Amino acid sequence: MCRLVMGNKTQALQEISSAASLCRQCPRLLTTHGPQLHTLLGLYSMSMDCMEEAAAQFLAALNVSC
């Protein structure tokens, strides 16, 4: 999130991708951190002015956390 706030979108996306890869390797991590990953992707989408995709990620975060 800090990378997005600072405007480092490329690095932010790389770090989100790395986190997602780690979580895919361990299903428990994906269960516990899935909503955060969706939220980060939603924030990234917003920073790229892709509001429909952002909304989809935020909804996914809500659905995964329930």
Protein backbone atom coordinates (compact mmCIF):
# COMPACT_ATOMS: atom_id res chain seq x y z
CA MET A 1 0.00 0.00 0.00
CA CYS A 2 2.88 2.36 0.75
CA ARG A 3 4.19 1.89 -2.80
CA LEU A 4 0.81 2.92 -4.19
CA VAL A 5 0.59 5.97 -1.94
CA MET A 6 4.08 7.02 -3.00
CA GLY A 7 3.18 6.58 -6.68
CA ASN A 8 5.41 3.56 -7.28
CA LYS A 9 2.74 1.59 -9.12
CA THR A 10 5.08 -0.80 -10.92
CA GLN A 11 6.86 -1.79 -7.74
CA ALA A 12 3.53 -2.05 -5.91
CA LEU A 13 2.19 -4.47 -8.51
CA GLN A 14 5.38 -6.54 -8.35
CA GLU A 15 5.12 -6.80 -4.57
CA ILE A 16 1.42 -7.68 -4.72
CA SER A 17 2.28 -10.38 -7.24
CA SER A 18 5.04 -11.73 -4.97
CA ALA A 19 2.66 -11.81 -2.01
CA ALA A 20 0.04 -13.63 -4.09
CA SER A 21 2.63 -16.19 -5.20
CA LEU A 22 3.63 -16.86 -1.60
CA CYS A 23 0.01 -17.23 -0.59
CA ARG A 24 -0.70 -19.68 -3.42
CA GLN A 25 2.14 -21.88 -2.15
CA CYS A 26 0.50 -22.18 1.27
CA PRO A 27 -3.31 -22.46 1.23
CA ARG A 28 -3.54 -21.28 4.84
CA LEU A 29 -1.86 -17.99 3.90
CA LEU A 30 -4.28 -17.54 1.04
CA THR A 31 -7.18 -18.10 3.43
CA THR A 32 -5.88 -15.61 5.98
CA HIS A 33 -4.53 -12.98 3.58
CA GLY A 34 -6.84 -13.30 0.57
CA PRO A 35 -8.98 -10.29 1.50
CA GLN A 36 -5.87 -8.11 1.87
CA LEU A 37 -4.64 -9.16 -1.57
CA HIS A 38 -7.99 -8.30 -3.14
CA THR A 39 -7.97 -4.94 -1.34
CA LEU A 40 -4.47 -4.15 -2.60
CA LEU A 41 -5.51 -5.08 -6.13
CA GLY A 42 -8.55 -2.85 -5.75
CA LEU A 43 -6.38 0.06 -4.63
CA TYR A 44 -4.01 -0.56 -7.53
CA SER A 45 -6.96 -0.64 -9.95
CA MET A 46 -8.20 2.66 -8.54
CA SER A 47 -4.75 4.20 -8.99
CA MET A 48 -4.91 3.14 -12.66
CA ASP A 49 -8.41 4.65 -12.98
CA CYS A 50 -10.04 1.24 -13.52
CA MET A 51 -12.99 1.73 -11.22
CA GLU A 52 -15.08 -1.27 -12.32
CA GLU A 53 -12.14 -3.61 -11.73
CA ALA A 54 -11.48 -1.93 -8.38
CA ALA A 55 -15.08 -2.45 -7.32
CA ALA A 56 -14.86 -6.12 -8.32
CA GLN A 57 -11.74 -6.58 -6.19
CA PHE A 58 -13.33 -4.86 -3.19
CA LEU A 59 -16.41 -7.07 -3.52
CA ALA A 60 -14.16 -10.13 -3.76
CA ALA A 61 -12.41 -9.01 -0.57
CA LEU A 62 -15.75 -8.82 1.20
CA ASN A 63 -16.89 -12.19 -0.13
CA VAL A 64 -13.65 -13.93 0.83
CA SER A 65 -13.70 -12.50 4.34
CA CYS A 66 -17.26 -13.60 5.12
